[in-house]
PDB file of N, CA and C in Angstrom:
ATOM      1  N   LEU A   1      -1.981  12.435  16.895  1.00  0.00           N
ATOM      2  CA  LEU A   1      -0.976  11.601  17.307  1.00  0.00           C
ATOM      3  C   LEU A   1      -0.576  12.042  18.774  1.00  0.00           C
ATOM      4  N   THR A   2      -0.202  11.109  19.596  1.00  0.00           N
ATOM      5  CA  THR A   2       0.379  11.527  20.818  1.00  0.00           C
ATOM      6  C   THR A   2       1.899  11.805  20.682  1.00  0.00           C
ATOM      7  N   PRO A   3       2.440  12.591  21.667  1.00  0.00           N
ATOM      8  CA  PRO A   3       3.774  12.816  21.643  1.00  0.00           C
ATOM      9  C   PRO A   3       4.577  11.587  21.522  1.00  0.00           C
ATOM     10  N   GLN A   4       4.236  10.584  22.256  1.00  0.00           N
ATOM     11  CA  GLN A   4       5.017   9.369  22.199  1.00  0.00           C
ATOM     12  C   GLN A   4       5.058   8.802  20.794  1.00  0.00           C
ATOM     13  N   GLU A   5       3.874   8.648  20.130  1.00  0.00           N
ATOM     14  CA  GLU A   5       3.821   8.090  18.725  1.00  0.00           C
ATOM     15  C   GLU A   5       4.582   9.076  17.893  1.00  0.00           C
ATOM     16  N   THR A   6       4.576  10.288  17.970  1.00  0.00           N
ATOM     17  CA  THR A   6       5.267  11.083  17.082  1.00  0.00           C
ATOM     18  C   THR A   6       6.848  10.914  17.326  1.00  0.00           C
ATOM     19  N   TYR A   7       7.201  10.611  18.538  1.00  0.00           N
ATOM     20  CA  TYR A   7       8.650  10.437  18.780  1.00  0.00           C
ATOM     21  C   TYR A   7       9.053   9.078  18.178  1.00  0.00           C
ATOM     22  N   HIS A   8       8.220   8.004  18.289  1.00  0.00           N
ATOM     23  CA  HIS A   8       8.544   6.734  17.809  1.00  0.00           C
ATOM     24  C   HIS A   8       8.481   6.717  16.331  1.00  0.00           C
ATOM     25  N   VAL A   9       7.635   7.423  15.683  1.00  0.00           N
ATOM     26  CA  VAL A   9       7.534   7.611  14.274  1.00  0.00           C
ATOM     27  C   VAL A   9       8.800   8.191  13.802  1.00  0.00           C
ATOM     28  N   SER A  10       9.234   9.412  14.422  1.00  0.00           N
ATOM     29  CA  SER A  10      10.435  10.041  13.959  1.00  0.00           C
ATOM     30  C   SER A  10      11.729   9.161  14.057  1.00  0.00           C
ATOM     31  N   ASN A  11      11.583   8.190  14.986  1.00  0.00           N
ATOM     32  CA  ASN A  11      12.832   7.336  15.138  1.00  0.00           C
ATOM     33  C   ASN A  11      12.645   6.022  14.449  1.00  0.00           C
ATOM     34  N   SER A  12      11.740   5.812  13.544  1.00  0.00           N
ATOM     35  CA  SER A  12      11.511   4.542  12.941  1.00  0.00           C
ATOM     36  C   SER A  12      12.454   4.164  11.881  1.00  0.00           C
ATOM     37  N   GLY A  13      13.391   4.924  11.564  1.00  0.00           N
ATOM     38  CA  GLY A  13      14.453   4.545  10.604  1.00  0.00           C
ATOM     39  C   GLY A  13      14.736   5.778   9.576  1.00  0.00           C
ATOM     40  N   LYS A  14      15.767   5.639   8.821  1.00  0.00           N
ATOM     41  CA  LYS A  14      16.311   6.717   8.093  1.00  0.00           C
ATOM     42  C   LYS A  14      15.144   7.245   7.173  1.00  0.00           C
ATOM     43  N   ALA A  15      14.412   6.353   6.589  1.00  0.00           N
ATOM     44  CA  ALA A  15      13.358   6.818   5.690  1.00  0.00           C
ATOM     45  C   ALA A  15      12.391   7.857   6.231  1.00  0.00           C
ATOM     46  N   ALA A  16      12.204   7.735   7.497  1.00  0.00           N
ATOM     47  CA  ALA A  16      11.334   8.695   8.345  1.00  0.00           C
ATOM     48  C   ALA A  16      11.834  10.066   8.334  1.00  0.00           C
ATOM     49  N   ASP A  17      13.160  10.344   7.954  1.00  0.00           N
ATOM     50  CA  ASP A  17      13.650  11.787   7.827  1.00  0.00           C
ATOM     51  C   ASP A  17      12.898  12.583   6.801  1.00  0.00           C
ATOM     52  N   HIS A  18      12.240  11.880   5.947  1.00  0.00           N
ATOM     53  CA  HIS A  18      11.490  12.579   4.865  1.00  0.00           C
ATOM     54  C   HIS A  18      10.396  13.552   5.538  1.00  0.00           C
ATOM     55  N   LEU A  19       9.968  13.064   6.679  1.00  0.00           N
ATOM     56  CA  LEU A  19       8.832  13.761   7.349  1.00  0.00           C
ATOM     57  C   LEU A  19       9.332  15.225   7.804  1.00  0.00           C
ATOM     58  N   LEU A  20      10.627  15.293   7.939  1.00  0.00           N
ATOM     59  CA  LEU A  20      11.187  16.512   8.451  1.00  0.00           C
ATOM     60  C   LEU A  20      11.159  17.567   7.287  1.00  0.00           C
ATOM     61  N   LYS A  21      11.018  17.197   6.090  1.00  0.00           N
ATOM     62  CA  LYS A  21      10.891  18.018   4.857  1.00  0.00           C
ATOM     63  C   LYS A  21       9.553  18.426   4.447  1.00  0.00           C
ATOM     64  N   MET A  22       8.592  18.091   5.261  1.00  0.00           N
ATOM     65  CA  MET A  22       7.140  18.379   5.006  1.00  0.00           C
ATOM     66  C   MET A  22       6.937  19.825   4.791  1.00  0.00           C
ATOM     67  N   ARG A  23       6.119  20.282   3.971  1.00  0.00           N
ATOM     68  CA  ARG A  23       5.641  21.695   3.684  1.00  0.00           C
ATOM     69  C   ARG A  23       4.203  21.832   3.969  1.00  0.00           C
ATOM     70  N   PRO A  24       3.839  23.130   4.184  1.00  0.00           N
ATOM     71  CA  PRO A  24       2.423  23.302   4.291  1.00  0.00           C
ATOM     72  C   PRO A  24       1.637  22.927   3.175  1.00  0.00           C
ATOM     73  N   GLY A  25       0.658  22.326   3.285  1.00  0.00           N
ATOM     74  CA  GLY A  25      -0.236  21.748   2.204  1.00  0.00           C
ATOM     75  C   GLY A  25       0.023  20.267   1.755  1.00  0.00           C
ATOM     76  N   ASP A  26       1.172  19.710   2.426  1.00  0.00           N
ATOM     77  CA  ASP A  26       1.421  18.210   2.189  1.00  0.00           C
ATOM     78  C   ASP A  26       0.483  17.398   2.921  1.00  0.00           C
ATOM     79  N   THR A  27       0.080  16.141   2.506  1.00  0.00           N
ATOM     80  CA  THR A  27      -0.924  15.455   3.094  1.00  0.00           C
ATOM     81  C   THR A  27      -0.291  14.016   3.573  1.00  0.00           C
ATOM     82  N   LEU A  28      -0.698  13.782   4.837  1.00  0.00           N
ATOM     83  CA  LEU A  28      -0.424  12.488   5.415  1.00  0.00           C
ATOM     84  C   LEU A  28      -1.717  11.634   5.419  1.00  0.00           C
ATOM     85  N   ALA A  29      -1.604  10.371   5.080  1.00  0.00           N
ATOM     86  CA  ALA A  29      -2.628   9.457   5.161  1.00  0.00           C
ATOM     87  C   ALA A  29      -2.416   8.576   6.498  1.00  0.00           C
ATOM     88  N   VAL A  30      -3.352   8.670   7.550  1.00  0.00           N
ATOM     89  CA  VAL A  30      -2.988   8.095   8.753  1.00  0.00           C
ATOM     90  C   VAL A  30      -4.044   7.045   9.094  1.00  0.00           C
ATOM     91  N   LEU A  31      -3.694   5.936   9.550  1.00  0.00           N
ATOM     92  CA  LEU A  31      -4.590   4.723   9.947  1.00  0.00           C
ATOM     93  C   LEU A  31      -4.456   4.610  11.393  1.00  0.00           C
ATOM     94  N   VAL A  32      -5.674   4.770  12.217  1.00  0.00           N
ATOM     95  CA  VAL A  32      -5.610   4.534  13.592  1.00  0.00           C
ATOM     96  C   VAL A  32      -6.566   3.369  13.787  1.00  0.00           C
ATOM     97  N   ASP A  33      -6.390   2.615  14.971  1.00  0.00           N
ATOM     98  CA  ASP A  33      -7.252   1.543  15.273  1.00  0.00           C
ATOM     99  C   ASP A  33      -8.557   2.013  16.141  1.00  0.00           C
ATOM    100  N   GLU A  34      -9.297   1.031  16.527  1.00  0.00           N
ATOM    101  CA  GLU A  34     -10.515   1.492  17.168  1.00  0.00           C
ATOM    102  C   GLU A  34     -10.138   2.304  18.597  1.00  0.00           C
ATOM    103  N   SER A  35      -9.048   2.004  19.159  1.00  0.00           N
ATOM    104  CA  SER A  35      -8.633   2.643  20.443  1.00  0.00           C
ATOM    105  C   SER A  35      -7.951   4.027  20.100  1.00  0.00           C
ATOM    106  N   GLY A  36      -7.708   4.321  18.874  1.00  0.00           N
ATOM    107  CA  GLY A  36      -7.131   5.565  18.613  1.00  0.00           C
ATOM    108  C   GLY A  36      -5.539   5.555  18.468  1.00  0.00           C
ATOM    109  N   LYS A  37      -4.978   4.307  18.518  1.00  0.00           N
ATOM    110  CA  LYS A  37      -3.586   4.158  18.394  1.00  0.00           C
ATOM    111  C   LYS A  37      -3.200   4.206  16.931  1.00  0.00           C
ATOM    112  N   LEU A  38      -2.178   4.904  16.693  1.00  0.00           N
ATOM    113  CA  LEU A  38      -1.641   4.931  15.298  1.00  0.00           C
ATOM    114  C   LEU A  38      -1.107   3.670  14.852  1.00  0.00           C
ATOM    115  N   GLN A  39      -1.660   3.154  13.613  1.00  0.00           N
ATOM    116  CA  GLN A  39      -1.247   1.763  13.042  1.00  0.00           C
ATOM    117  C   GLN A  39      -0.182   2.071  11.872  1.00  0.00           C
ATOM    118  N   SER A  40      -0.438   3.066  11.052  1.00  0.00           N
ATOM    119  CA  SER A  40       0.375   3.424   9.891  1.00  0.00           C
ATOM    120  C   SER A  40       0.153   4.743   9.373  1.00  0.00           C
ATOM    121  N   LEU A  41       1.191   5.272   8.734  1.00  0.00           N
ATOM    122  CA  LEU A  41       0.976   6.467   7.967  1.00  0.00           C
ATOM    123  C   LEU A  41       1.740   6.411   6.691  1.00  0.00           C
ATOM    124  N   GLN A  42       1.213   7.292   5.641  1.00  0.00           N
ATOM    125  CA  GLN A  42       1.789   7.307   4.360  1.00  0.00           C
ATOM    126  C   GLN A  42       2.021   8.731   3.993  1.00  0.00           C
ATOM    127  N   TYR A  43       3.281   9.083   3.359  1.00  0.00           N
ATOM    128  CA  TYR A  43       3.472  10.440   2.853  1.00  0.00           C
ATOM    129  C   TYR A  43       4.056  10.343   1.579  1.00  0.00           C
ATOM    130  N   ALA A  44       3.470  11.011   0.696  1.00  0.00           N
ATOM    131  CA  ALA A  44       3.879  11.041  -0.817  1.00  0.00           C
ATOM    132  C   ALA A  44       5.180  11.966  -0.865  1.00  0.00           C
ATOM    133  N   ILE A  45       6.304  11.420  -0.960  1.00  0.00           N
ATOM    134  CA  ILE A  45       7.588  12.163  -1.113  1.00  0.00           C
ATOM    135  C   ILE A  45       7.705  12.755  -2.519  1.00  0.00           C
ATOM    136  N   SER A  46       7.178  12.027  -3.484  1.00  0.00           N
ATOM    137  CA  SER A  46       7.207  12.426  -4.948  1.00  0.00           C
ATOM    138  C   SER A  46       6.151  11.691  -5.614  1.00  0.00           C
ATOM    139  N   THR A  47       6.158  11.897  -6.923  1.00  0.00           N
ATOM    140  CA  THR A  47       5.101  11.159  -7.659  1.00  0.00           C
ATOM    141  C   THR A  47       5.279   9.692  -7.755  1.00  0.00           C
ATOM    142  N   THR A  48       6.526   9.250  -7.486  1.00  0.00           N
ATOM    143  CA  THR A  48       6.808   7.862  -7.604  1.00  0.00           C
ATOM    144  C   THR A  48       7.294   7.269  -6.244  1.00  0.00           C
ATOM    145  N   ASP A  49       7.626   8.068  -5.219  1.00  0.00           N
ATOM    146  CA  ASP A  49       8.033   7.551  -3.913  1.00  0.00           C
ATOM    147  C   ASP A  49       7.184   7.860  -2.830  1.00  0.00           C
ATOM    148  N   THR A  50       6.705   6.969  -1.979  1.00  0.00           N
ATOM    149  CA  THR A  50       5.815   7.009  -0.796  1.00  0.00           C
ATOM    150  C   THR A  50       6.481   6.593   0.452  1.00  0.00           C
ATOM    151  N   LEU A  51       6.596   7.334   1.457  1.00  0.00           N
ATOM    152  CA  LEU A  51       7.153   6.848   2.766  1.00  0.00           C
ATOM    153  C   LEU A  51       5.944   6.112   3.406  1.00  0.00           C
ATOM    154  N   ILE A  52       6.267   4.974   3.911  1.00  0.00           N
ATOM    155  CA  ILE A  52       5.339   4.224   4.656  1.00  0.00           C
ATOM    156  C   ILE A  52       5.984   3.951   6.155  1.00  0.00           C
ATOM    157  N   VAL A  53       5.176   4.212   7.214  1.00  0.00           N
ATOM    158  CA  VAL A  53       5.634   3.915   8.522  1.00  0.00           C
ATOM    159  C   VAL A  53       4.499   3.127   9.078  1.00  0.00           C
ATOM    160  N   GLU A  54       4.804   1.893   9.600  1.00  0.00           N
ATOM    161  CA  GLU A  54       3.860   0.949  10.075  1.00  0.00           C
ATOM    162  C   GLU A  54       4.216   0.420  11.549  1.00  0.00           C
ATOM    163  N   ARG A  55       3.278   0.172  12.376  1.00  0.00           N
ATOM    164  CA  ARG A  55       3.432  -0.414  13.590  1.00  0.00           C
ATOM    165  C   ARG A  55       3.793  -1.912  13.441  1.00  0.00           C
ATOM    166  N   THR A  56       4.718  -2.519  13.970  1.00  0.00           N
ATOM    167  CA  THR A  56       5.147  -3.905  13.972  1.00  0.00           C
ATOM    168  C   THR A  56       4.452  -4.631  15.113  1.00  0.00           C
ATOM    169  N   ASP A  57       4.575  -5.944  15.021  1.00  0.00           N
ATOM    170  CA  ASP A  57       4.012  -6.851  15.852  1.00  0.00           C
ATOM    171  C   ASP A  57       4.594  -6.644  17.428  1.00  0.00           C
ATOM    172  N   THR A  58       5.872  -6.098  17.392  1.00  0.00           N
ATOM    173  CA  THR A  58       6.455  -5.868  18.665  1.00  0.00           C
ATOM    174  C   THR A  58       6.083  -4.421  19.203  1.00  0.00           C
ATOM    175  N   ASN A  59       5.169  -3.788  18.556  1.00  0.00           N
ATOM    176  CA  ASN A  59       4.707  -2.509  18.998  1.00  0.00           C
ATOM    177  C   ASN A  59       5.642  -1.368  18.657  1.00  0.00           C
ATOM    178  N   GLN A  60       6.610  -1.546  17.752  1.00  0.00           N
ATOM    179  CA  GLN A  60       7.531  -0.496  17.377  1.00  0.00           C
ATOM    180  C   GLN A  60       7.105  -0.040  16.075  1.00  0.00           C
ATOM    181  N   PHE A  61       7.756   1.081  15.381  1.00  0.00           N
ATOM    182  CA  PHE A  61       7.351   1.519  14.176  1.00  0.00           C
ATOM    183  C   PHE A  61       8.588   1.345  13.153  1.00  0.00           C
ATOM    184  N   GLU A  62       8.366   0.888  11.953  1.00  0.00           N
ATOM    185  CA  GLU A  62       9.372   0.742  10.972  1.00  0.00           C
ATOM    186  C   GLU A  62       8.922   1.553   9.789  1.00  0.00           C
ATOM    187  N   SER A  63      10.026   2.083   9.163  1.00  0.00           N
ATOM    188  CA  SER A  63       9.715   2.947   7.957  1.00  0.00           C
ATOM    189  C   SER A  63      10.377   2.452   6.738  1.00  0.00           C
ATOM    190  N   SER A  64       9.767   2.672   5.657  1.00  0.00           N
ATOM    191  CA  SER A  64      10.135   2.197   4.348  1.00  0.00           C
ATOM    192  C   SER A  64       9.704   3.134   3.250  1.00  0.00           C
ATOM    193  N   ILE A  65      10.381   3.057   2.137  1.00  0.00           N
ATOM    194  CA  ILE A  65       9.939   3.878   1.004  1.00  0.00           C
ATOM    195  C   ILE A  65       9.397   2.878  -0.193  1.00  0.00           C
ATOM    196  N   ASN A  66       8.217   3.068  -0.586  1.00  0.00           N
ATOM    197  CA  ASN A  66       7.721   2.310  -1.720  1.00  0.00           C
ATOM    198  C   ASN A  66       7.867   3.136  -2.905  1.00  0.00           C
ATOM    199  N   THR A  67       8.513   2.547  -3.993  1.00  0.00           N
ATOM    200  CA  THR A  67       8.842   3.157  -5.241  1.00  0.00           C
ATOM    201  C   THR A  67       8.020   2.526  -6.271  1.00  0.00           C
ATOM    202  N   LYS A  68       7.330   3.326  -7.010  1.00  0.00           N
ATOM    203  CA  LYS A  68       6.440   2.952  -8.151  1.00  0.00           C
ATOM    204  C   LYS A  68       7.399   2.771  -9.377  1.00  0.00           C
ATOM    205  N   LEU A  69       7.232   1.767 -10.117  1.00  0.00           N
ATOM    206  CA  LEU A  69       8.119   1.650 -11.474  1.00  0.00           C
ATOM    207  C   LEU A  69       7.394   2.570 -12.432  1.00  0.00           C
ATOM    208  N   VAL A  70       8.365   3.245 -13.166  1.00  0.00           N
ATOM    209  CA  VAL A  70       7.787   4.141 -14.179  1.00  0.00           C
ATOM    210  C   VAL A  70       8.218   3.598 -15.524  1.00  0.00           C
ATOM    211  N   GLU A  71       7.329   3.587 -16.341  1.00  0.00           N
ATOM    212  CA  GLU A  71       7.432   3.011 -17.656  1.00  0.00           C
ATOM    213  C   GLU A  71       7.576   4.251 -18.618  1.00  0.00           C
ATOM    214  N   SER A  72       8.793   4.197 -19.276  1.00  0.00           N
ATOM    215  CA  SER A  72       9.070   5.399 -20.243  1.00  0.00           C
ATOM    216  C   SER A  72       8.742   4.822 -21.677  1.00  0.00           C
ATOM    217  N   ARG A  73       8.118   5.706 -22.416  1.00  0.00           N
ATOM    218  CA  ARG A  73       7.789   5.376 -23.809  1.00  0.00           C
ATOM    219  C   ARG A  73       8.257   6.591 -24.730  1.00  0.00           C
ATOM    220  N   LEU A  74       8.868   6.155 -25.817  1.00  0.00           N
ATOM    221  CA  LEU A  74       9.498   7.184 -26.740  1.00  0.00           C
ATOM    222  C   LEU A  74       8.383   7.177 -27.837  1.00  0.00           C
ATOM    223  N   ASN A  75       8.073   8.343 -28.396  1.00  0.00           N
ATOM    224  CA  ASN A  75       7.254   8.607 -29.456  1.00  0.00           C
ATOM    225  C   ASN A  75       7.926   9.461 -30.489  1.00  0.00           C
ATOM    226  N   PHE A  76       7.498   9.272 -31.711  1.00  0.00           N
ATOM    227  CA  PHE A  76       8.165  10.073 -32.809  1.00  0.00           C
ATOM    228  C   PHE A  76       7.014  10.722 -33.693  1.00  0.00           C
ATOM    229  N   ALA A  77       7.205  11.983 -34.024  1.00  0.00           N
ATOM    230  CA  ALA A  77       6.290  12.682 -34.987  1.00  0.00           C
ATOM    231  C   ALA A  77       7.144  13.493 -35.867  1.00  0.00           C
ATOM    232  N   GLN A  78       6.539  13.822 -37.012  1.00  0.00           N
ATOM    233  CA  GLN A  78       7.199  14.894 -37.903  1.00  0.00           C
ATOM    234  C   GLN A  78       6.137  15.687 -38.511  1.00  0.00           C
ATOM    235  N   GLY A  79       6.497  16.685 -39.046  1.00  0.00           N
ATOM    236  CA  GLY A  79       5.647  17.683 -39.727  1.00  0.00           C
ATOM    237  C   GLY A  79       6.381  18.632 -40.535  1.00  0.00           C
ATOM    238  N   THR A  80       5.534  19.337 -41.298  1.00  0.00           N
ATOM    239  CA  THR A  80       6.090  20.594 -41.977  1.00  0.00           C
ATOM    240  C   THR A  80       5.373  21.815 -41.562  1.00  0.00           C
ATOM    241  N   ILE A  81       6.138  22.910 -41.275  1.00  0.00           N
ATOM    242  CA  ILE A  81       5.578  24.123 -40.859  1.00  0.00           C
ATOM    243  C   ILE A  81       5.265  25.011 -42.122  1.00  0.00           C
ATOM    244  N   GLU A  82       3.960  25.230 -42.388  1.00  0.00           N
ATOM    245  CA  GLU A  82       3.637  25.853 -43.622  1.00  0.00           C
ATOM    246  C   GLU A  82       3.151  27.379 -43.358  1.00  0.00           C
ATOM    247  N   THR A  83       2.772  27.485 -42.012  1.00  0.00           N
ATOM    248  CA  THR A  83       2.351  28.977 -41.667  1.00  0.00           C
ATOM    249  C   THR A  83       3.118  29.467 -40.570  1.00  0.00           C
ATOM    250  N   SER A  84       2.770  29.244 -39.416  1.00  0.00           N
ATOM    251  CA  SER A  84       3.438  29.515 -38.302  1.00  0.00           C
ATOM    252  C   SER A  84       3.774  28.461 -37.297  1.00  0.00           C
ATOM    253  N   PHE A  85       4.759  28.519 -36.555  1.00  0.00           N
ATOM    254  CA  PHE A  85       5.065  27.458 -35.621  1.00  0.00           C
ATOM    255  C   PHE A  85       3.902  27.060 -34.723  1.00  0.00           C
ATOM    256  N   TRP A  86       3.239  28.103 -34.170  1.00  0.00           N
ATOM    257  CA  TRP A  86       2.020  27.883 -33.232  1.00  0.00           C
ATOM    258  C   TRP A  86       0.891  27.150 -34.048  1.00  0.00           C
ATOM    259  N   ASN A  87       0.593  27.702 -35.235  1.00  0.00           N
ATOM    260  CA  ASN A  87      -0.552  27.011 -35.998  1.00  0.00           C
ATOM    261  C   ASN A  87      -0.191  25.618 -36.411  1.00  0.00           C
ATOM    262  N   ALA A  88       1.068  25.303 -36.698  1.00  0.00           N
ATOM    263  CA  ALA A  88       1.519  23.980 -37.056  1.00  0.00           C
ATOM    264  C   ALA A  88       1.239  22.954 -35.840  1.00  0.00           C
ATOM    265  N   GLY A  89       1.643  23.611 -34.715  1.00  0.00           N
ATOM    266  CA  GLY A  89       1.471  22.760 -33.409  1.00  0.00           C
ATOM    267  C   GLY A  89       0.005  22.460 -33.140  1.00  0.00           C
ATOM    268  N   LEU A  90      -0.817  23.447 -33.399  1.00  0.00           N
ATOM    269  CA  LEU A  90      -2.277  23.240 -33.262  1.00  0.00           C
ATOM    270  C   LEU A  90      -2.786  22.215 -34.182  1.00  0.00           C
ATOM    271  N   LYS A  91      -2.378  22.339 -35.390  1.00  0.00           N
ATOM    272  CA  LYS A  91      -2.764  21.431 -36.439  1.00  0.00           C
ATOM    273  C   LYS A  91      -2.388  19.996 -36.151  1.00  0.00           C
ATOM    274  N   ALA A  92      -1.284  19.788 -35.434  1.00  0.00           N
ATOM    275  CA  ALA A  92      -0.637  18.558 -35.072  1.00  0.00           C
ATOM    276  C   ALA A  92      -1.353  18.055 -33.681  1.00  0.00           C
ATOM    277  N   ASN A  93      -2.251  18.728 -33.300  1.00  0.00           N
ATOM    278  CA  ASN A  93      -3.110  18.332 -31.987  1.00  0.00           C
ATOM    279  C   ASN A  93      -2.251  18.346 -30.775  1.00  0.00           C
ATOM    280  N   MET A  94      -1.314  19.334 -30.904  1.00  0.00           N
ATOM    281  CA  MET A  94      -0.502  19.582 -29.663  1.00  0.00           C
ATOM    282  C   MET A  94      -1.137  20.509 -28.756  1.00  0.00           C
ATOM    283  N   THR A  95      -0.995  20.395 -27.449  1.00  0.00           N
ATOM    284  CA  THR A  95      -1.477  21.274 -26.374  1.00  0.00           C
ATOM    285  C   THR A  95      -0.607  22.585 -26.406  1.00  0.00           C
ATOM    286  N   GLU A  96      -1.227  23.620 -25.850  1.00  0.00           N
ATOM    287  CA  GLU A  96      -0.360  24.960 -25.761  1.00  0.00           C
ATOM    288  C   GLU A  96       0.802  24.691 -25.039  1.00  0.00           C
ATOM    289  N   LYS A  97       0.827  23.941 -23.929  1.00  0.00           N
ATOM    290  CA  LYS A  97       2.095  23.589 -23.154  1.00  0.00           C
ATOM    291  C   LYS A  97       2.989  22.842 -23.945  1.00  0.00           C
ATOM    292  N   GLN A  98       2.619  21.947 -24.835  1.00  0.00           N
ATOM    293  CA  GLN A  98       3.602  21.226 -25.626  1.00  0.00           C
ATOM    294  C   GLN A  98       4.203  22.211 -26.661  1.00  0.00           C
ATOM    295  N   ILE A  99       3.393  22.988 -27.261  1.00  0.00           N
ATOM    296  CA  ILE A  99       3.875  23.827 -28.219  1.00  0.00           C
ATOM    297  C   ILE A  99       4.966  24.800 -27.626  1.00  0.00           C
ATOM    298  N   MET A 100       4.758  25.389 -26.445  1.00  0.00           N
ATOM    299  CA  MET A 100       5.645  26.238 -25.758  1.00  0.00           C
ATOM    300  C   MET A 100       6.891  25.544 -25.307  1.00  0.00           C
ATOM    301  N   SER A 101       6.775  24.270 -24.842  1.00  0.00           N
ATOM    302  CA  SER A 101       7.818  23.415 -24.360  1.00  0.00           C
ATOM    303  C   SER A 101       8.714  23.145 -25.791  1.00  0.00           C
ATOM    304  N   LEU A 102       8.205  22.904 -26.878  1.00  0.00           N
ATOM    305  CA  LEU A 102       8.940  22.610 -27.985  1.00  0.00           C
ATOM    306  C   LEU A 102       9.577  23.781 -28.568  1.00  0.00           C
ATOM    307  N   ALA A 103       8.932  25.032 -28.329  1.00  0.00           N
ATOM    308  CA  ALA A 103       9.487  26.314 -28.826  1.00  0.00           C
ATOM    309  C   ALA A 103      10.647  26.601 -27.940  1.00  0.00           C
ATOM    310  N   GLY A 104      10.678  26.250 -26.763  1.00  0.00           N
ATOM    311  CA  GLY A 104      11.886  26.417 -25.868  1.00  0.00           C
ATOM    312  C   GLY A 104      13.097  25.640 -26.287  1.00  0.00           C
ATOM    313  N   ILE A 105      12.958  24.561 -26.798  1.00  0.00           N
ATOM    314  CA  ILE A 105      13.957  23.743 -27.384  1.00  0.00           C
ATOM    315  C   ILE A 105      14.669  24.351 -28.535  1.00  0.00           C
ATOM    316  N   PHE A 106      13.830  24.957 -29.442  1.00  0.00           N
ATOM    317  CA  PHE A 106      14.453  25.561 -30.700  1.00  0.00           C
ATOM    318  C   PHE A 106      14.744  27.038 -30.441  1.00  0.00           C
ATOM    319  N   GLY A 107      14.544  27.525 -29.348  1.00  0.00           N
ATOM    320  CA  GLY A 107      14.902  29.034 -28.986  1.00  0.00           C
ATOM    321  C   GLY A 107      13.889  29.840 -29.590  1.00  0.00           C
TER     322      GLY A 107
END
């Protein structure tokens, strides 16, 4: 990116402030045209929110945040512990992480 493009992207709106919180290892998806001019960029803020900065028809940049809808599902299961909590979790086809998470709930 040119210094001018960087400046215009940083002033493309309040949503672009999320770029100031980037950390080493974060990824930007950048789209440039044939002449090398920046057209858009995307930055994953979280698993559900993505910052999008796009060049407009007036050659300015606008920023917005695209939020994915998250569907929550509840599930119910029950069982009887006959040997150990760990073995009962394995018998119920739980992962080790799920067993440890559940163990944390019961102390």
